Protein backbone atom coordinates (compact mmCIF):
# COMPACT_ATOMS: atom_id res chain seq x y z
CA MET A 1 2.09 -17.94 0.31
CA ALA A 2 5.59 -18.18 -1.17
CA LYS A 3 4.17 -19.77 -4.34
CA GLN A 4 1.38 -17.19 -4.63
CA ALA A 5 3.73 -14.25 -4.12
CA ALA A 6 6.22 -15.59 -6.67
CA THR A 7 3.41 -16.14 -9.19
CA ILE A 8 2.13 -12.58 -8.77
CA ASP A 9 5.68 -11.29 -9.10
CA GLN A 10 6.00 -13.15 -12.40
CA MET A 11 2.66 -11.80 -13.63
CA THR A 12 3.63 -8.21 -12.76
CA GLY A 13 7.15 -8.34 -14.14
CA GLY A 14 8.81 -7.96 -10.75
CA ARG A 15 6.56 -5.18 -9.45
CA HIS A 16 4.87 -7.12 -6.66
CA VAL A 17 5.32 -5.68 -3.16
CA LEU A 18 4.44 -8.03 -0.30
CA GLY A 19 3.49 -6.43 3.03
CA LEU A 20 3.75 -8.60 6.15
CA GLY A 21 3.49 -8.21 9.90
CA VAL A 22 2.37 -10.04 13.01
CA ASP A 23 -1.28 -9.76 14.00
CA THR A 24 -2.09 -8.15 17.35
CA ARG A 25 -5.73 -9.26 17.71
CA ASP A 26 -5.98 -12.06 20.22
CA ASP A 27 -9.39 -13.12 18.86
CA ASP A 28 -7.76 -13.94 15.50
CA TYR A 29 -5.32 -16.32 17.24
CA ALA A 30 -8.13 -17.89 19.25
CA ALA A 31 -10.13 -18.51 16.07
CA ALA A 32 -7.09 -20.03 14.33
CA GLY A 33 -6.01 -22.09 17.32
CA ALA A 34 -2.56 -20.46 17.23
CA ASP A 35 -0.34 -19.32 20.08
CA MET A 36 -0.13 -15.52 20.04
CA ARG A 37 3.00 -15.55 22.20
CA THR A 38 5.13 -17.19 19.49
CA ARG A 39 3.89 -15.16 16.52
CA GLY A 40 7.15 -13.28 15.96
CA ARG A 41 9.25 -16.44 16.05
CA ARG A 42 6.92 -18.15 13.58
CA LEU A 43 7.08 -15.21 11.18
CA ASP A 44 10.89 -15.33 11.27
CA GLU A 45 10.79 -19.03 10.41
CA GLN A 46 8.27 -18.45 7.61
CA LEU A 47 10.32 -15.61 6.12
CA ALA A 48 13.40 -17.82 6.07
CA VAL A 49 11.48 -20.54 4.21
CA MET A 50 10.02 -18.08 1.70
CA ARG A 51 13.40 -16.56 0.95
CA ARG A 52 14.82 -20.04 0.40
CA LEU A 53 11.99 -21.05 -1.93
CA TRP A 54 12.24 -17.80 -3.91
CA SER A 55 15.91 -18.58 -4.57
CA GLY A 56 14.91 -21.90 -6.16
CA GLU A 57 15.94 -24.20 -3.34
CA PRO A 58 13.72 -27.16 -2.39
CA TYR A 59 11.38 -26.94 0.57
CA GLY A 60 12.97 -29.99 2.17
CA GLY A 61 11.86 -33.48 3.10
CA GLY A 62 11.73 -34.46 -0.56
CA PHE A 63 9.46 -31.58 -1.54
CA GLY A 64 10.22 -28.75 -3.93
CA PRO A 65 11.21 -26.54 -5.49
CA ILE A 66 7.74 -25.02 -5.11
CA GLY A 67 6.16 -22.66 -7.62
CA PRO A 68 7.77 -20.48 -10.27
CA LEU A 69 10.84 -18.42 -9.63
CA PRO A 70 9.86 -14.78 -9.04
CA ALA A 71 10.76 -12.24 -11.68
CA ARG A 72 12.72 -10.23 -9.13
CA PRO A 73 15.87 -12.09 -8.03
CA GLY A 74 15.56 -13.13 -4.39
CA GLY A 75 11.79 -12.76 -4.37
CA PRO A 76 9.27 -9.91 -4.39
CA GLU A 77 10.00 -6.78 -2.43
CA VAL A 78 8.96 -7.37 1.19
CA LEU A 79 7.81 -4.54 3.47
CA LEU A 80 7.49 -5.40 7.15
CA GLY A 81 5.51 -3.51 9.78
CA GLY A 82 5.54 -3.29 13.55
CA PHE A 83 6.70 -1.07 16.39
CA ARG A 84 8.64 -3.18 18.87
CA PRO A 85 12.44 -3.57 18.62
CA ALA A 86 12.13 -7.18 17.43
CA ALA A 87 9.80 -6.11 14.60
CA LEU A 88 12.12 -3.30 13.49
CA GLU A 89 15.13 -5.62 13.56
CA ARG A 90 13.16 -8.11 11.44
CA VAL A 91 13.15 -5.52 8.65
CA ALA A 92 16.95 -5.62 8.53
CA ARG A 93 17.14 -9.40 8.71
CA TRP A 94 14.46 -10.36 6.19
CA GLY A 95 12.87 -7.32 4.58
CA ASP A 96 13.49 -4.79 1.86
CA GLY A 97 11.73 -1.96 3.64
CA TYR A 98 9.45 -0.81 6.43
CA LEU A 99 5.76 0.20 6.62
CA ALA A 100 5.00 2.63 9.46
CA ALA A 101 1.25 2.61 10.14
CA ALA A 102 1.74 5.06 12.99
CA PRO A 103 0.77 8.59 14.00
CA VAL A 104 2.82 11.13 12.07
CA PRO A 105 4.85 12.36 15.12
CA MET A 106 6.09 8.80 15.76
CA VAL A 107 7.32 8.12 12.24
CA ALA A 108 10.66 9.93 12.36
CA ASP A 109 11.91 7.86 15.31
CA LEU A 110 10.69 4.62 13.74
CA PHE A 111 12.42 5.41 10.44
CA GLY A 112 15.61 6.32 12.30
CA THR A 113 15.61 3.04 14.22
CA VAL A 114 15.05 1.03 11.03
CA ARG A 115 17.97 2.79 9.34
CA LYS A 116 20.17 2.10 12.36
CA VAL A 117 19.45 -1.65 12.56
CA TRP A 118 19.78 -1.85 8.76
CA GLN A 119 23.36 -0.61 9.01
CA GLU A 120 24.10 -2.75 12.06
CA HIS A 121 23.14 -5.86 10.07
CA GLY A 122 25.50 -4.86 7.25
CA ARG A 123 22.77 -4.29 4.67
CA ASP A 124 23.72 -2.33 1.57
CA GLY A 125 21.97 0.87 0.55
CA GLU A 126 18.91 1.99 2.49
CA PRO A 127 15.59 0.33 3.31
CA ARG A 128 12.49 1.43 1.47
CA LEU A 129 10.43 3.51 3.90
CA VAL A 130 6.66 3.77 3.72
CA ALA A 131 4.29 5.74 5.96
CA GLN A 132 0.53 5.34 6.19
CA VAL A 133 -2.16 7.66 7.52
CA ASN A 134 -5.96 7.58 7.51
CA VAL A 135 -7.73 10.16 5.36
CA ALA A 136 -11.39 11.18 4.98
CA LEU A 137 -12.46 14.10 2.77
CA GLY A 138 -15.95 15.25 1.97
CA PRO A 139 -19.23 16.08 3.72
CA GLN A 140 -19.55 15.52 7.45
CA ASP A 141 -21.47 12.26 6.97
CA VAL A 142 -18.50 10.77 5.06
CA ILE A 143 -16.11 11.85 7.82
CA ASP A 144 -18.45 10.48 10.49
CA GLN A 145 -18.73 7.15 8.65
CA ALA A 146 -14.95 6.85 8.41
CA ARG A 147 -14.51 7.74 12.08
CA THR A 148 -17.08 5.14 13.09
CA ALA A 149 -15.24 2.51 11.04
CA LEU A 150 -11.92 3.39 12.71
CA LEU A 151 -13.43 3.29 16.21
CA SER A 152 -14.90 -0.14 15.50
CA TYR A 153 -11.80 -1.60 13.85
CA TYR A 154 -9.34 -0.41 16.50
CA ALA A 155 -11.58 -0.95 19.55
CA PHE A 156 -9.40 -3.86 20.68
CA THR A 157 -6.35 -1.58 21.08
CA GLY A 158 -7.84 0.48 23.90
CA MET A 159 -6.83 3.68 22.11
CA ALA A 160 -9.32 3.82 19.26
CA ASP A 161 -10.34 7.38 20.19
CA ARG A 162 -6.78 8.57 19.79
CA LEU A 163 -6.40 6.87 16.42
CA ALA A 164 -9.68 8.28 15.14
CA GLU A 165 -8.66 11.77 16.26
CA GLY A 166 -5.54 11.43 14.11
CA MET A 167 -7.55 10.92 10.91
CA LEU A 168 -6.87 13.68 8.37
CA THR A 169 -10.02 15.43 7.18
CA THR A 170 -8.78 18.56 5.36
CA PRO A 171 -6.49 19.20 2.37
CA ALA A 172 -4.30 21.37 4.60
CA GLY A 173 -3.93 18.52 7.08
CA ILE A 174 -2.94 16.12 4.31
CA ARG A 175 -0.34 18.57 2.94
CA SER A 176 1.09 19.06 6.42
CA ALA A 177 1.36 15.29 6.95
CA ILE A 178 3.08 14.82 3.59
CA ASN A 179 5.62 17.53 4.39
CA SER A 180 6.27 16.10 7.86
CA LEU A 181 6.65 12.53 6.60
CA THR A 182 8.92 13.64 3.79
CA ARG A 183 11.19 15.34 6.32
CA SER A 184 11.10 12.15 8.40
CA ARG A 185 12.49 10.23 5.44
CA GLY A 186 15.34 12.71 5.14
CA ARG A 187 14.47 13.58 1.54
CA ARG A 188 13.80 16.93 -0.07
CA ASP A 189 13.13 15.77 -3.61
CA HIS A 190 9.75 14.09 -3.64
CA ALA A 191 7.10 13.75 -6.28
CA PRO A 192 3.80 15.63 -5.97
CA LEU A 193 0.76 14.02 -4.46
CA LEU A 194 -1.24 11.92 -6.89
CA ARG A 195 -4.44 13.84 -7.44
CA PRO A 196 -7.73 12.25 -8.54
CA ARG A 197 -8.43 13.20 -12.15
CA PRO A 198 -11.55 12.42 -14.20
CA GLY A 199 -10.91 10.27 -17.25
CA PRO A 200 -12.91 9.99 -20.46
CA GLY A 201 -16.61 9.65 -19.75
CA GLY A 202 -16.21 10.55 -16.10
CA PRO A 203 -14.35 7.62 -14.44
CA ALA A 204 -11.39 8.71 -12.42
CA ARG A 205 -7.79 7.96 -13.18
CA ARG A 206 -4.51 8.99 -11.60
CA HIS A 207 -1.72 11.27 -12.71
CA PRO A 208 1.34 9.21 -13.64
CA VAL A 209 4.27 10.23 -11.46
CA ARG A 210 7.74 8.93 -12.17
CA ARG A 211 10.40 8.14 -9.66
CA ARG A 212 14.11 7.67 -10.07
CA PRO A 213 15.08 4.13 -11.13
CA ASN A 214 15.88 1.76 -8.28
CA THR A 215 18.15 -1.13 -9.15
CA ARG A 216 18.94 -2.32 -5.63
CA HIS A 217 18.58 -6.04 -4.95
CA GLY A 218 18.44 -6.74 -8.70
CA GLN A 219 15.18 -4.87 -9.19
CA ARG A 220 14.52 -3.58 -12.68
CA PRO A 221 13.99 0.20 -12.99
CA LEU A 222 10.28 0.89 -12.66
CA ALA A 223 8.10 3.95 -13.17
CA GLN A 224 6.30 4.09 -9.84
CA PRO A 225 4.93 6.95 -7.75
CA ASP A 226 6.81 8.26 -4.75
CA LEU A 227 3.53 9.44 -3.28
CA CYS A 228 0.45 7.38 -3.96
CA TRP A 229 -3.05 6.63 -2.79
CA ALA A 230 -3.30 3.28 -1.04
CA ILE A 231 -5.91 0.61 -1.55
CA ARG A 232 -8.71 0.95 0.97
CA ARG A 233 -11.73 3.23 0.52
CA GLU A 234 -14.61 3.53 2.94
CA ASP A 235 -16.96 5.05 0.34
CA ARG A 236 -16.63 2.97 -2.80
CA SER A 237 -19.78 4.43 -4.35
CA ALA A 238 -18.12 7.81 -4.86
CA GLY A 239 -15.80 8.40 -7.78
CA LEU A 240 -12.35 9.90 -7.48
CA ALA A 241 -13.27 13.19 -9.12
CA PRO A 242 -11.78 16.11 -7.18
CA VAL A 243 -15.19 17.12 -5.81
CA ALA A 244 -16.26 13.62 -4.81
CA PRO A 245 -16.22 12.67 -1.11
CA PHE A 246 -13.97 9.78 -0.17
CA ALA A 247 -12.25 8.23 2.81
CA ARG A 248 -9.18 6.11 2.39
CA LYS A 249 -5.64 5.47 3.50
CA LEU A 250 -2.83 7.63 2.17
CA VAL A 251 0.56 6.03 1.77
CA ILE A 252 3.80 7.99 1.46
CA VAL A 253 6.36 5.81 -0.30
CA ARG A 254 10.08 6.06 -0.64
């Protein structure tokens, strides 16, 4: 993984963002023959190795260095997720920021805890803070399809109903979540939401939104959105035209 991440970072000119976290599905560990009880400890060990390799040091035991050096000094930007104290502390020890895939009311406390442990570990500046919510817009069948997918995916948690109920299905709900999450980050100056916009011949494209340059950790200034649509879509057959139905995750990025 360290080699792959460094290669992608080179290919993107230092723009690669690597998201990591420990899995919570016991069936995944059973299939892999791994011990679920030691997953946090193993991730800490793996992060230490990756950081070492990204700095150009050998792997050890006569092996290495491995792969190209990343374009971004110290390695690609790493966002870590999780909810338990050990996971939040891991952000301060190994990460560059935090991804909160949590209900909107929980985000403020999570962000506050991450900021606190960041300072306690003597880290400079502030962590990058990212919040994620589930979104489905369009006819009722699109919303029903997205809700069914959420109920199936999160069935193992025992609270799939609650997570599905938190899915945003109206423009007003999305605006409210954006405002709430922006307040949780403690910022008042945020870019507008990226809106789907038809391009030439009909295909959709996105409004470019600039953010202030960020040169922390040796990162080159980049033109990136503060608020952006994330990757996953439930209805890939629909375009991103404003009237087209879609269901996807919305990510609020600092």
